Amino acid sequence: MKKEVEIFLKRAESFIKDALEDLKRGDYDIAMFHIEIACQLIVKAKLLDLTGYFERTHSIRKLLKDLSKMYKNKEINDFIDKNWKIMRILEYSYIAGRYLQVDFEAKEVKEALKFYEKLRDLLWTS
């Protein structure tokens, strides 16, 4: 399992690098799409690391709720409550990025990047 977790984490960082390049080019919708995928991957990596399994979903909120329920982790619940809005925006960017025309602004991409860093720190810095 450790190998798969490492692959997920490496891919997440690659998607964040892509998002930073997208941001520089002004491709904000693609940047948000890349950030959302990176967030999914680090949550799925944590679930895989702890349980050997994760539900096949693209919802960051659902994945984090699953993680929180499994471990009755108040810190994760507080994180979900505090970041509900940005998670909804990211989930929307995933769907819209694949199927719809959507416009985001640089400030939204920067907020999403900060969210990714907080999420990564919450799950992987301990």
Protein backbone atom coordinates (compact mmCIF):
# COMPACT_ATOMS: atom_id res chain seq x y z
CA MET A 1 0.00 0.00 0.00
CA LYS A 2 2.84 2.37 0.76
CA LYS A 3 3.81 2.52 -2.92
CA GLU A 4 0.30 3.57 -3.99
CA VAL A 5 0.19 6.25 -1.29
CA GLU A 6 3.51 7.66 -2.49
CA ILE A 7 2.26 7.66 -6.09
CA PHE A 8 -0.90 9.56 -5.09
CA LEU A 9 1.12 12.15 -3.16
CA LYS A 10 3.59 12.59 -6.00
CA ARG A 11 0.76 13.03 -8.50
CA ALA A 12 -0.90 15.60 -6.24
CA GLU A 13 2.28 17.67 -6.18
CA SER A 14 2.52 17.40 -9.97
CA PHE A 15 -1.03 18.70 -10.32
CA ILE A 16 -0.17 21.62 -8.02
CA LYS A 17 2.85 22.46 -10.17
CA ASP A 18 0.54 22.41 -13.18
CA ALA A 19 -1.91 24.69 -11.35
CA LEU A 20 0.86 27.19 -10.62
CA GLU A 21 1.77 27.27 -14.30
CA ASP A 22 -1.90 27.62 -15.23
CA LEU A 23 -2.16 30.56 -12.84
CA LYS A 24 0.83 32.26 -14.47
CA ARG A 25 -0.77 31.86 -17.91
CA GLY A 26 -4.16 33.09 -16.73
CA ASP A 27 -5.82 29.70 -17.26
CA TYR A 28 -7.78 29.96 -14.02
CA ASP A 29 -10.43 27.36 -14.80
CA ILE A 30 -7.77 24.74 -15.58
CA ALA A 31 -5.81 25.76 -12.47
CA MET A 32 -8.87 25.15 -10.30
CA PHE A 33 -9.41 21.79 -11.97
CA HIS A 34 -5.82 20.78 -11.22
CA ILE A 35 -6.04 21.93 -7.60
CA GLU A 36 -9.24 19.97 -7.08
CA ILE A 37 -7.64 16.80 -8.38
CA ALA A 38 -4.60 17.36 -6.14
CA CYS A 39 -6.89 17.74 -3.12
CA GLN A 40 -8.74 14.54 -3.97
CA LEU A 41 -5.47 12.67 -4.28
CA ILE A 42 -4.04 13.71 -0.92
CA VAL A 43 -7.26 12.80 0.90
CA LYS A 44 -7.48 9.49 -0.94
CA ALA A 45 -3.82 8.85 -0.13
CA LYS A 46 -4.52 9.38 3.57
CA LEU A 47 -7.52 7.06 3.50
CA LEU A 48 -5.49 4.47 1.65
CA ASP A 49 -2.63 4.86 4.13
CA LEU A 50 -4.88 4.44 7.16
CA THR A 51 -7.45 1.93 5.94
CA GLY A 52 -6.23 0.47 2.66
CA TYR A 53 -9.42 1.75 1.00
CA PHE A 54 -11.23 4.86 -0.18
CA GLU A 55 -14.66 5.31 -1.70
CA ARG A 56 -14.72 5.95 -5.44
CA THR A 57 -15.98 9.52 -5.38
CA HIS A 58 -14.75 12.88 -6.58
CA SER A 59 -16.15 14.77 -3.59
CA ILE A 60 -13.47 16.19 -1.32
CA ARG A 61 -16.15 16.88 1.29
CA LYS A 62 -17.38 13.28 1.20
CA LEU A 63 -13.85 11.90 1.44
CA LEU A 64 -12.99 14.14 4.39
CA LYS A 65 -16.25 13.27 6.14
CA ASP A 66 -15.43 9.59 5.70
CA LEU A 67 -11.99 10.17 7.18
CA SER A 68 -13.42 12.13 10.08
CA LYS A 69 -16.07 9.49 10.85
CA MET A 70 -13.57 6.67 10.80
CA TYR A 71 -11.27 8.37 13.28
CA LYS A 72 -13.70 10.66 15.11
CA ASN A 73 -11.28 13.49 14.41
CA LYS A 74 -12.58 16.87 15.63
CA GLU A 75 -9.77 18.71 13.85
CA ILE A 76 -10.93 17.36 10.49
CA ASN A 77 -14.56 18.23 11.31
CA ASP A 78 -13.54 21.78 12.19
CA PHE A 79 -11.53 21.99 8.95
CA ILE A 80 -14.55 20.83 6.94
CA ASP A 81 -16.81 23.40 8.62
CA LYS A 82 -14.33 26.22 8.14
CA ASN A 83 -13.58 25.40 4.49
CA TRP A 84 -16.97 24.22 3.23
CA LYS A 85 -17.29 27.04 0.68
CA ILE A 86 -13.92 26.55 -1.01
CA MET A 87 -14.49 22.80 -1.14
CA ARG A 88 -17.82 23.37 -2.93
CA ILE A 89 -16.11 25.71 -5.38
CA LEU A 90 -13.39 23.14 -6.04
CA GLU A 91 -15.90 20.35 -6.55
CA TYR A 92 -17.82 22.58 -8.94
CA SER A 93 -14.59 23.33 -10.81
CA TYR A 94 -14.03 19.62 -11.31
CA ILE A 95 -17.45 19.09 -12.89
CA ALA A 96 -17.49 22.38 -14.77
CA GLY A 97 -13.93 21.92 -15.96
CA ARG A 98 -14.93 18.72 -17.69
CA TYR A 99 -18.38 19.57 -18.98
CA LEU A 100 -19.17 23.30 -18.84
CA GLN A 101 -17.73 26.71 -19.58
CA VAL A 102 -16.77 28.35 -16.29
CA ASP A 103 -14.69 31.38 -15.41
CA PHE A 104 -12.63 31.78 -12.27
CA GLU A 105 -10.45 34.65 -11.12
CA ALA A 106 -6.83 34.66 -9.99
CA LYS A 107 -7.89 35.37 -6.38
CA GLU A 108 -10.02 32.21 -6.35
CA VAL A 109 -7.10 30.14 -7.61
CA LYS A 110 -4.84 31.61 -4.92
CA GLU A 111 -7.44 30.84 -2.25
CA ALA A 112 -7.70 27.27 -3.55
CA LEU A 113 -3.91 26.90 -3.45
CA LYS A 114 -3.88 28.04 0.18
CA PHE A 115 -6.63 25.53 0.91
CA TYR A 116 -4.55 22.75 -0.64
CA GLU A 117 -1.58 23.68 1.55
CA LYS A 118 -3.74 23.69 4.70
CA LEU A 119 -5.27 20.36 3.75
CA ARG A 120 -1.86 18.82 3.04
CA ASP A 121 -0.53 20.12 6.36
CA LEU A 122 -3.57 18.81 8.24
CA LEU A 123 -3.30 15.33 6.77
CA TRP A 124 0.42 14.84 6.23
CA THR A 125 2.32 16.96 8.78
CA SER A 126 2.20 14.85 11.89
